[in-house]
Amino acid sequence: MELMNTANMSYEKCWRRKPLNTVLTFLLIMMNVFSVLSHTCHHAEYLINQRCCPKCPSGGRVKTDCTEFRSTSCLSCIDGRFMDEPTARRECFPCTNCDSGSGLRIKTSCTTLSNTVCEPLDGFYCTDSDKDNKHNCIAAQEHTSCEPGQYISHKGTAFTDTVCTDCSSDTFSDGTSTSCQSHTKCESLNLQLIKAGTASTDAECGEHSSNTAVIVDPVIVFVVLLITGASLLVFFYLRKKSSQNSGAGRNDADVSTQESPREEETKMLSLTIDKG
């Protein structure tokens, strides 16, 4: 519309000049207008050197531009590059790398017609997506780990983080469960509470202590001590008596030993008398 308005204004000015000059000027203006309009290329073409050349199809790139004698020359994209639309570019786009160090892996491999599509690794969720393809993740982060005393109220997905919630009173969780467990009621199991439960651990129960056992144990100890003492007294008594008997035997042996020479003297005297 602006071009047509310009042509009209020029045309009106021309009528004020000589008729021949006016016609020539008008023709020149119209030629310029049509020249500009002719350089408005179709969406499947591109303008180069005042000429509309056909674009290369998806999966390819321009090698040489068209001329008045030949069309555009194209080449296919090489491995690792792609072109997902008709193009006038001389280079294909590089394929995206799904870096495992960034928590990503390949969901759809790259082809000459389409770019790689990445997704989060297991245990990760997407924190940033491609603006042109929301299903293509370009940054990921590891799911939050719930602390002991918390439970997983919402499991993490490929696009959402884990949600943790604190356990209520009288319940516990080690942080890996999807719900908190109630503390064990020792009394209901006819057991004794040894250690109370916390938000991260269960209560500890044990057998009840017997009152009879508490009373009997000192009695048993007393009886054992009494028997041990009596045994020691008997042992020392028998030992002393045995020592006394051994002493008396030694005295009798000494007496018999002392009388034996006298008997021999008596025998010798009797023999002497007999000989006389």
C-alpha atoms as a PDB file:
ATOM      1  CA  MET A   1       0.000   0.000   0.000  1.00  0.00           C
ATOM      2  CA  GLU A   2       2.816   2.421   0.788  1.00  0.00           C
ATOM      3  CA  LEU A   3       4.387   1.693  -2.600  1.00  0.00           C
ATOM      4  CA  MET A   4       1.107   2.376  -4.380  1.00  0.00           C
ATOM      5  CA  ASN A   5       0.635   5.635  -2.473  1.00  0.00           C
ATOM      6  CA  THR A   6       4.149   6.690  -3.453  1.00  0.00           C
ATOM      7  CA  ALA A   7       3.371   5.899  -7.093  1.00  0.00           C
ATOM      8  CA  ASN A   8       0.178   7.944  -6.977  1.00  0.00           C
ATOM      9  CA  MET A   9       1.940  10.934  -5.459  1.00  0.00           C
ATOM     10  CA  SER A  10       4.655  10.753  -8.083  1.00  0.00           C
ATOM     11  CA  TYR A  11       2.046  10.444 -10.790  1.00  0.00           C
ATOM     12  CA  GLU A  12       0.216  13.577  -9.601  1.00  0.00           C
ATOM     13  CA  LYS A  13       3.433  15.552  -9.672  1.00  0.00           C
ATOM     14  CA  CYS A  14       4.212  14.342 -13.153  1.00  0.00           C
ATOM     15  CA  TRP A  15       0.993  15.784 -14.619  1.00  0.00           C
ATOM     16  CA  ARG A  16       2.313  19.241 -13.828  1.00  0.00           C
ATOM     17  CA  ARG A  17       5.245  18.668 -16.241  1.00  0.00           C
ATOM     18  CA  LYS A  18       5.289  18.064 -19.902  1.00  0.00           C
ATOM     19  CA  PRO A  19       3.134  15.141 -21.111  1.00  0.00           C
ATOM     20  CA  LEU A  20       6.070  13.112 -22.516  1.00  0.00           C
ATOM     21  CA  ASN A  21       8.195  13.500 -19.472  1.00  0.00           C
ATOM     22  CA  THR A  22       5.188  12.660 -17.372  1.00  0.00           C
ATOM     23  CA  VAL A  23       4.614   9.360 -19.132  1.00  0.00           C
ATOM     24  CA  LEU A  24       8.266   8.353 -18.965  1.00  0.00           C
ATOM     25  CA  THR A  25       8.485   9.210 -15.301  1.00  0.00           C
ATOM     26  CA  PHE A  26       5.348   7.238 -14.554  1.00  0.00           C
ATOM     27  CA  LEU A  27       6.678   4.200 -16.398  1.00  0.00           C
ATOM     28  CA  LEU A  28       9.945   4.342 -14.482  1.00  0.00           C
ATOM     29  CA  ILE A  29       8.115   4.544 -11.192  1.00  0.00           C
ATOM     30  CA  MET A  30       5.906   1.612 -12.039  1.00  0.00           C
ATOM     31  CA  MET A  31       8.907  -0.444 -13.129  1.00  0.00           C
ATOM     32  CA  ASN A  32      10.554   0.207  -9.761  1.00  0.00           C
ATOM     33  CA  VAL A  33       7.379  -0.780  -7.947  1.00  0.00           C
ATOM     34  CA  PHE A  34       7.043  -4.039  -9.886  1.00  0.00           C
ATOM     35  CA  SER A  35      10.758  -4.699  -9.410  1.00  0.00           C
ATOM     36  CA  VAL A  36      10.343  -4.428  -5.633  1.00  0.00           C
ATOM     37  CA  LEU A  37       7.205  -6.518  -5.654  1.00  0.00           C
ATOM     38  CA  SER A  38       8.878  -9.160  -7.775  1.00  0.00           C
ATOM     39  CA  HIS A  39      11.594  -9.505  -5.116  1.00  0.00           C
ATOM     40  CA  THR A  40       9.043 -10.559  -2.488  1.00  0.00           C
ATOM     41  CA  CYS A  41       9.731 -14.308  -2.555  1.00  0.00           C
ATOM     42  CA  HIS A  42       7.425 -17.180  -1.772  1.00  0.00           C
ATOM     43  CA  HIS A  43       7.775 -18.766   1.738  1.00  0.00           C
ATOM     44  CA  ALA A  44       9.506 -21.788   0.140  1.00  0.00           C
ATOM     45  CA  GLU A  45      12.064 -19.483  -1.504  1.00  0.00           C
ATOM     46  CA  TYR A  46      14.798 -17.136  -0.381  1.00  0.00           C
ATOM     47  CA  LEU A  47      16.049 -13.882  -1.882  1.00  0.00           C
ATOM     48  CA  ILE A  48      19.655 -13.804  -3.062  1.00  0.00           C
ATOM     49  CA  ASN A  49      21.228 -11.400  -5.572  1.00  0.00           C
ATOM     50  CA  GLN A  50      17.794  -9.960  -6.371  1.00  0.00           C
ATOM     51  CA  ARG A  51      16.657 -13.461  -7.323  1.00  0.00           C
ATOM     52  CA  CYS A  52      14.231 -15.839  -5.539  1.00  0.00           C
ATOM     53  CA  CYS A  53      15.856 -19.238  -5.153  1.00  0.00           C
ATOM     54  CA  PRO A  54      14.138 -22.425  -3.915  1.00  0.00           C
ATOM     55  CA  LYS A  55      15.012 -23.371  -0.348  1.00  0.00           C
ATOM     56  CA  CYS A  56      16.621 -26.748   0.348  1.00  0.00           C
ATOM     57  CA  PRO A  57      14.239 -29.303   1.904  1.00  0.00           C
ATOM     58  CA  SER A  58      14.395 -30.459   5.532  1.00  0.00           C
ATOM     59  CA  GLY A  59      17.398 -32.669   6.208  1.00  0.00           C
ATOM     60  CA  GLY A  60      19.587 -30.688   3.821  1.00  0.00           C
ATOM     61  CA  ARG A  61      21.459 -27.396   3.332  1.00  0.00           C
ATOM     62  CA  VAL A  62      22.360 -25.058   0.472  1.00  0.00           C
ATOM     63  CA  LYS A  63      25.511 -25.902  -1.481  1.00  0.00           C
ATOM     64  CA  THR A  64      25.176 -23.257  -4.241  1.00  0.00           C
ATOM     65  CA  ASP A  65      22.518 -20.642  -4.938  1.00  0.00           C
ATOM     66  CA  CYS A  66      20.333 -20.729  -7.997  1.00  0.00           C
ATOM     67  CA  THR A  67      21.056 -18.776 -11.204  1.00  0.00           C
ATOM     68  CA  GLU A  68      19.005 -17.956 -14.268  1.00  0.00           C
ATOM     69  CA  PHE A  69      20.150 -21.257 -15.716  1.00  0.00           C
ATOM     70  CA  ARG A  70      19.947 -23.688 -12.751  1.00  0.00           C
ATOM     71  CA  SER A  71      18.124 -24.215  -9.452  1.00  0.00           C
ATOM     72  CA  THR A  72      19.529 -24.240  -5.962  1.00  0.00           C
ATOM     73  CA  SER A  73      22.006 -27.047  -5.264  1.00  0.00           C
ATOM     74  CA  CYS A  74      21.571 -28.855  -1.888  1.00  0.00           C
ATOM     75  CA  LEU A  75      23.512 -31.321   0.275  1.00  0.00           C
ATOM     76  CA  SER A  76      22.202 -33.656   2.990  1.00  0.00           C
ATOM     77  CA  CYS A  77      23.156 -32.974   6.609  1.00  0.00           C
ATOM     78  CA  ILE A  78      26.043 -35.057   7.919  1.00  0.00           C
ATOM     79  CA  ASP A  79      25.856 -37.260  11.030  1.00  0.00           C
ATOM     80  CA  GLY A  80      25.545 -35.224  14.196  1.00  0.00           C
ATOM     81  CA  ARG A  81      23.678 -32.413  12.438  1.00  0.00           C
ATOM     82  CA  PHE A  82      20.059 -31.801  11.438  1.00  0.00           C
ATOM     83  CA  MET A  83      17.711 -29.417   9.635  1.00  0.00           C
ATOM     84  CA  ASP A  84      14.060 -29.631  10.629  1.00  0.00           C
ATOM     85  CA  GLU A  85      12.604 -27.166   8.090  1.00  0.00           C
ATOM     86  CA  PRO A  86      13.186 -25.930   4.523  1.00  0.00           C
ATOM     87  CA  THR A  87      16.223 -23.673   4.653  1.00  0.00           C
ATOM     88  CA  ALA A  88      18.492 -21.239   2.881  1.00  0.00           C
ATOM     89  CA  ARG A  89      21.282 -21.953   5.371  1.00  0.00           C
ATOM     90  CA  ARG A  90      24.602 -23.359   4.239  1.00  0.00           C
ATOM     91  CA  GLU A  91      25.169 -25.298   7.474  1.00  0.00           C
ATOM     92  CA  CYS A  92      22.895 -27.717   9.373  1.00  0.00           C
ATOM     93  CA  PHE A  93      22.294 -27.336  13.104  1.00  0.00           C
ATOM     94  CA  PRO A  94      24.416 -29.446  15.515  1.00  0.00           C
ATOM     95  CA  CYS A  95      22.548 -32.189  17.406  1.00  0.00           C
ATOM     96  CA  THR A  96      22.001 -31.658  21.132  1.00  0.00           C
ATOM     97  CA  ASN A  97      24.107 -33.797  23.492  1.00  0.00           C
ATOM     98  CA  CYS A  98      22.189 -35.389  26.389  1.00  0.00           C
ATOM     99  CA  ASP A  99      24.866 -35.184  29.090  1.00  0.00           C
ATOM    100  CA  SER A 100      24.535 -37.877  31.782  1.00  0.00           C
ATOM    101  CA  GLY A 101      26.649 -35.696  34.075  1.00  0.00           C
ATOM    102  CA  SER A 102      23.784 -33.186  33.972  1.00  0.00           C
ATOM    103  CA  GLY A 103      21.217 -35.878  34.785  1.00  0.00           C
ATOM    104  CA  LEU A 104      20.047 -36.372  31.184  1.00  0.00           C
ATOM    105  CA  ARG A 105      19.738 -39.275  28.763  1.00  0.00           C
ATOM    106  CA  ILE A 106      18.560 -39.718  25.171  1.00  0.00           C
ATOM    107  CA  LYS A 107      14.820 -40.140  24.742  1.00  0.00           C
ATOM    108  CA  THR A 108      14.822 -39.804  20.930  1.00  0.00           C
ATOM    109  CA  SER A 109      18.024 -39.954  18.909  1.00  0.00           C
ATOM    110  CA  CYS A 110      18.992 -37.168  16.521  1.00  0.00           C
ATOM    111  CA  THR A 111      18.342 -37.606  12.779  1.00  0.00           C
ATOM    112  CA  THR A 112      18.986 -35.380   9.757  1.00  0.00           C
ATOM    113  CA  LEU A 113      15.355 -34.220  10.068  1.00  0.00           C
ATOM    114  CA  SER A 114      15.052 -33.696  13.842  1.00  0.00           C
ATOM    115  CA  ASN A 115      17.140 -32.818  16.880  1.00  0.00           C
ATOM    116  CA  THR A 116      17.855 -35.098  19.832  1.00  0.00           C
ATOM    117  CA  VAL A 117      15.166 -35.209  22.528  1.00  0.00           C
ATOM    118  CA  CYS A 118      16.528 -35.554  26.089  1.00  0.00           C
ATOM    119  CA  GLU A 119      14.807 -36.707  29.260  1.00  0.00           C
ATOM    120  CA  PRO A 120      15.908 -36.888  32.938  1.00  0.00           C
ATOM    121  CA  LEU A 121      17.691 -39.955  34.287  1.00  0.00           C
ATOM    122  CA  ASP A 122      15.880 -42.133  36.842  1.00  0.00           C
ATOM    123  CA  GLY A 123      15.890 -40.275  40.154  1.00  0.00           C
ATOM    124  CA  PHE A 124      16.102 -36.861  38.427  1.00  0.00           C
ATOM    125  CA  TYR A 125      13.523 -34.293  37.347  1.00  0.00           C
ATOM    126  CA  CYS A 126      13.597 -31.655  34.611  1.00  0.00           C
ATOM    127  CA  THR A 127      14.256 -28.075  35.725  1.00  0.00           C
ATOM    128  CA  ASP A 128      14.402 -26.457  32.263  1.00  0.00           C
ATOM    129  CA  SER A 129      12.847 -27.385  28.912  1.00  0.00           C
ATOM    130  CA  ASP A 130      13.352 -26.308  25.309  1.00  0.00           C
ATOM    131  CA  LYS A 131      11.076 -23.333  24.615  1.00  0.00           C
ATOM    132  CA  ASP A 132      10.143 -24.846  21.233  1.00  0.00           C
ATOM    133  CA  ASN A 133       9.634 -28.359  22.604  1.00  0.00           C
ATOM    134  CA  LYS A 134       8.545 -28.657  26.228  1.00  0.00           C
ATOM    135  CA  HIS A 135       9.126 -32.409  26.145  1.00  0.00           C
ATOM    136  CA  ASN A 136      12.824 -31.845  25.416  1.00  0.00           C
ATOM    137  CA  CYS A 137      14.615 -31.414  28.756  1.00  0.00           C
ATOM    138  CA  ILE A 138      17.820 -29.348  28.733  1.00  0.00           C
ATOM    139  CA  ALA A 139      18.597 -29.335  32.487  1.00  0.00           C
ATOM    140  CA  ALA A 140      17.777 -31.777  35.295  1.00  0.00           C
ATOM    141  CA  GLN A 141      18.302 -32.121  39.038  1.00  0.00           C
ATOM    142  CA  GLU A 142      18.275 -35.095  41.404  1.00  0.00           C
ATOM    143  CA  HIS A 143      15.106 -35.755  43.393  1.00  0.00           C
ATOM    144  CA  THR A 144      15.137 -34.577  47.011  1.00  0.00           C
ATOM    145  CA  SER A 145      15.844 -37.346  49.559  1.00  0.00           C
ATOM    146  CA  CYS A 146      13.527 -37.279  52.562  1.00  0.00           C
ATOM    147  CA  GLU A 147      15.188 -37.166  56.000  1.00  0.00           C
ATOM    148  CA  PRO A 148      14.581 -39.718  58.806  1.00  0.00           C
ATOM    149  CA  GLY A 149      11.400 -38.634  60.536  1.00  0.00           C
ATOM    150  CA  GLN A 150       9.790 -37.755  57.180  1.00  0.00           C
ATOM    151  CA  TYR A 151       7.813 -39.756  54.630  1.00  0.00           C
ATOM    152  CA  ILE A 152       7.423 -39.373  50.853  1.00  0.00           C
ATOM    153  CA  SER A 153       4.035 -37.719  50.419  1.00  0.00           C
ATOM    154  CA  HIS A 154       4.481 -37.294  46.628  1.00  0.00           C
ATOM    155  CA  LYS A 155       6.963 -39.321  44.601  1.00  0.00           C
ATOM    156  CA  GLY A 156       9.151 -37.405  42.196  1.00  0.00           C
ATOM    157  CA  THR A 157       8.480 -37.674  38.453  1.00  0.00           C
ATOM    158  CA  ALA A 158      10.431 -36.691  35.347  1.00  0.00           C
ATOM    159  CA  PHE A 159       9.123 -33.119  35.709  1.00  0.00           C
ATOM    160  CA  THR A 160       8.400 -32.738  39.465  1.00  0.00           C
ATOM    161  CA  ASP A 161      10.519 -33.078  42.599  1.00  0.00           C
ATOM    162  CA  THR A 162       9.817 -35.387  45.559  1.00  0.00           C
ATOM    163  CA  VAL A 163       7.658 -33.878  48.318  1.00  0.00           C
ATOM    164  CA  CYS A 164       8.524 -34.791  51.944  1.00  0.00           C
ATOM    165  CA  THR A 165       6.266 -34.440  54.999  1.00  0.00           C
ATOM    166  CA  ASP A 166       7.116 -34.784  58.713  1.00  0.00           C
ATOM    167  CA  CYS A 167       5.704 -37.769  60.616  1.00  0.00           C
ATOM    168  CA  SER A 168       3.038 -37.085  63.228  1.00  0.00           C
ATOM    169  CA  SER A 169       3.444 -38.014  66.901  1.00  0.00           C
ATOM    170  CA  ASP A 170       3.560 -41.733  67.802  1.00  0.00           C
ATOM    171  CA  THR A 171       4.710 -42.583  64.247  1.00  0.00           C
ATOM    172  CA  PHE A 172       8.114 -43.014  62.602  1.00  0.00           C
ATOM    173  CA  SER A 173       9.839 -43.350  59.210  1.00  0.00           C
ATOM    174  CA  ASP A 174      13.431 -43.718  58.011  1.00  0.00           C
ATOM    175  CA  GLY A 175      12.752 -41.331  55.105  1.00  0.00           C
ATOM    176  CA  THR A 176      12.325 -43.968  52.377  1.00  0.00           C
ATOM    177  CA  SER A 177       8.676 -44.910  52.988  1.00  0.00           C
ATOM    178  CA  THR A 178       5.546 -43.420  51.469  1.00  0.00           C
ATOM    179  CA  SER A 179       3.884 -43.342  54.897  1.00  0.00           C
ATOM    180  CA  CYS A 180       4.824 -43.248  58.587  1.00  0.00           C
ATOM    181  CA  GLN A 181       4.394 -46.370  60.740  1.00  0.00           C
ATOM    182  CA  SER A 182       2.857 -46.366  64.223  1.00  0.00           C
ATOM    183  CA  HIS A 183       5.155 -47.124  67.143  1.00  0.00           C
ATOM    184  CA  THR A 184       4.860 -50.668  68.503  1.00  0.00           C
ATOM    185  CA  LYS A 185       2.644 -50.813  71.627  1.00  0.00           C
ATOM    186  CA  CYS A 186       4.664 -53.053  73.938  1.00  0.00           C
ATOM    187  CA  GLU A 187       1.840 -53.343  76.492  1.00  0.00           C
ATOM    188  CA  SER A 188      -0.544 -54.764  73.879  1.00  0.00           C
ATOM    189  CA  LEU A 189       1.993 -57.529  73.203  1.00  0.00           C
ATOM    190  CA  ASN A 190       2.427 -58.228  76.932  1.00  0.00           C
ATOM    191  CA  LEU A 191       5.980 -56.919  76.674  1.00  0.00           C
ATOM    192  CA  GLN A 192       7.943 -54.340  78.598  1.00  0.00           C
ATOM    193  CA  LEU A 193       8.991 -51.011  76.996  1.00  0.00           C
ATOM    194  CA  ILE A 194      12.787 -50.886  76.883  1.00  0.00           C
ATOM    195  CA  LYS A 195      13.297 -47.791  74.694  1.00  0.00           C
ATOM    196  CA  ALA A 196      10.661 -45.293  73.582  1.00  0.00           C
ATOM    197  CA  GLY A 197      10.140 -44.728  69.845  1.00  0.00           C
ATOM    198  CA  THR A 198      11.192 -41.542  68.036  1.00  0.00           C
ATOM    199  CA  ALA A 199      10.200 -39.904  64.757  1.00  0.00           C
ATOM    200  CA  SER A 200      12.793 -42.047  62.954  1.00  0.00           C
ATOM    201  CA  THR A 201      12.862 -45.292  65.017  1.00  0.00           C
ATOM    202  CA  ASP A 202      10.344 -47.748  66.435  1.00  0.00           C
ATOM    203  CA  ALA A 203       9.908 -48.508  70.147  1.00  0.00           C
ATOM    204  CA  GLU A 204      11.993 -51.390  71.582  1.00  0.00           C
ATOM    205  CA  CYS A 205      10.222 -54.067  73.658  1.00  0.00           C
ATOM    206  CA  GLY A 206      11.445 -56.905  75.902  1.00  0.00           C
ATOM    207  CA  GLU A 207      10.230 -59.644  78.237  1.00  0.00           C
ATOM    208  CA  HIS A 208       8.834 -58.624  81.640  1.00  0.00           C
ATOM    209  CA  SER A 209      11.209 -59.167  84.667  1.00  0.00           C
ATOM    210  CA  SER A 210       9.813 -61.788  87.175  1.00  0.00           C
ATOM    211  CA  ASN A 211       9.359 -60.661  90.849  1.00  0.00           C
ATOM    212  CA  THR A 212       9.882 -64.259  92.037  1.00  0.00           C
ATOM    213  CA  ALA A 213      13.213 -64.357  90.331  1.00  0.00           C
ATOM    214  CA  VAL A 214      14.214 -61.156  92.083  1.00  0.00           C
ATOM    215  CA  ILE A 215      13.417 -62.713  95.503  1.00  0.00           C
ATOM    216  CA  VAL A 216      14.871 -66.153  94.798  1.00  0.00           C
ATOM    217  CA  ASP A 217      18.219 -64.955  93.474  1.00  0.00           C
ATOM    218  CA  PRO A 218      19.508 -63.616  96.871  1.00  0.00           C
ATOM    219  CA  VAL A 219      18.320 -66.804  98.624  1.00  0.00           C
ATOM    220  CA  ILE A 220      20.248 -68.972  96.181  1.00  0.00           C
ATOM    221  CA  VAL A 221      23.348 -66.856  96.708  1.00  0.00           C
ATOM    222  CA  PHE A 222      23.003 -67.175 100.505  1.00  0.00           C
ATOM    223  CA  VAL A 223      22.583 -70.965 100.341  1.00  0.00           C
ATOM    224  CA  VAL A 224      25.611 -71.320  98.095  1.00  0.00           C
ATOM    225  CA  LEU A 225      27.709 -69.220 100.451  1.00  0.00           C
ATOM    226  CA  LEU A 226      26.493 -71.238 103.465  1.00  0.00           C
ATOM    227  CA  ILE A 227      27.361 -74.552 101.844  1.00  0.00           C
ATOM    228  CA  THR A 228      30.746 -73.222 100.764  1.00  0.00           C
ATOM    229  CA  GLY A 229      31.507 -71.987 104.294  1.00  0.00           C
ATOM    230  CA  ALA A 230      30.449 -75.293 105.913  1.00  0.00           C
ATOM    231  CA  SER A 231      32.566 -77.229 103.429  1.00  0.00           C
ATOM    232  CA  LEU A 232      35.587 -75.114 104.265  1.00  0.00           C
ATOM    233  CA  LEU A 233      35.047 -75.636 108.025  1.00  0.00           C
ATOM    234  CA  VAL A 234      34.806 -79.426 107.600  1.00  0.00           C
ATOM    235  CA  PHE A 235      37.892 -79.402 105.379  1.00  0.00           C
ATOM    236  CA  PHE A 236      40.004 -77.510 107.894  1.00  0.00           C
ATOM    237  CA  TYR A 237      38.706 -79.661 110.800  1.00  0.00           C
ATOM    238  CA  LEU A 238      39.611 -82.917 109.029  1.00  0.00           C
ATOM    239  CA  ARG A 239      42.968 -81.537 108.063  1.00  0.00           C
ATOM    240  CA  LYS A 240      43.761 -80.548 111.651  1.00  0.00           C
ATOM    241  CA  LYS A 241      42.677 -83.929 112.979  1.00  0.00           C
ATOM    242  CA  SER A 242      44.762 -85.702 110.409  1.00  0.00           C
ATOM    243  CA  SER A 243      47.776 -83.656 111.464  1.00  0.00           C
ATOM    244  CA  GLN A 244      47.255 -84.590 115.108  1.00  0.00           C
ATOM    245  CA  ASN A 245      47.054 -88.351 114.316  1.00  0.00           C
ATOM    246  CA  SER A 246      50.216 -88.161 112.311  1.00  0.00           C
ATOM    247  CA  GLY A 247      52.048 -86.549 115.272  1.00  0.00           C
ATOM    248  CA  ALA A 248      50.924 -89.274 117.738  1.00  0.00           C
ATOM    249  CA  GLY A 249      52.163 -92.022 115.403  1.00  0.00           C
ATOM    250  CA  ARG A 250      55.565 -90.442 115.187  1.00  0.00           C
ATOM    251  CA  ASN A 251      55.848 -90.340 119.052  1.00  0.00           C
ATOM    252  CA  ASP A 252      55.045 -94.069 119.396  1.00  0.00           C
ATOM    253  CA  ALA A 253      57.693 -94.910 116.859  1.00  0.00           C
ATOM    254  CA  ASP A 254      60.282 -92.960 118.818  1.00  0.00           C
ATOM    255  CA  VAL A 255      59.461 -94.824 122.064  1.00  0.00           C
ATOM    256  CA  SER A 256      59.797 -98.230 120.454  1.00  0.00           C
ATOM    257  CA  THR A 257      63.067 -97.173 118.941  1.00  0.00           C
ATOM    258  CA  GLN A 258      64.429 -96.090 122.364  1.00  0.00           C
ATOM    259  CA  GLU A 259      63.504 -99.430 124.163  1.00  0.00           C
ATOM    260  CA  SER A 260      65.070-101.680 121.582  1.00  0.00           C
ATOM    261  CA  PRO A 261      68.765-101.270 122.815  1.00  0.00           C
ATOM    262  CA  ARG A 262      67.746-102.194 126.392  1.00  0.00           C
ATOM    263  CA  GLU A 263      66.209-105.406 125.206  1.00  0.00           C
ATOM    264  CA  GLU A 264      69.390-106.229 123.338  1.00  0.00           C
ATOM    265  CA  GLU A 265      71.482-105.595 126.471  1.00  0.00           C
ATOM    266  CA  THR A 266      69.218-107.937 128.451  1.00  0.00           C
ATOM    267  CA  LYS A 267      69.622-110.626 125.848  1.00  0.00           C
ATOM    268  CA  MET A 268      73.389-110.261 125.842  1.00  0.00           C
ATOM    269  CA  LEU A 269      73.519-110.537 129.682  1.00  0.00           C
ATOM    270  CA  SER A 270      71.465-113.719 129.622  1.00  0.00           C
ATOM    271  CA  LEU A 271      73.784-115.277 127.077  1.00  0.00           C
ATOM    272  CA  THR A 272      76.825-114.428 129.181  1.00  0.00           C
ATOM    273  CA  ILE A 273      75.321-116.059 132.273  1.00  0.00           C
ATOM    274  CA  ASP A 274      74.460-119.172 130.338  1.00  0.00           C
ATOM    275  CA  LYS A 275      78.002-119.451 129.060  1.00  0.00           C
ATOM    276  CA  GLY A 276      79.442-119.131 132.561  1.00  0.00           C
END
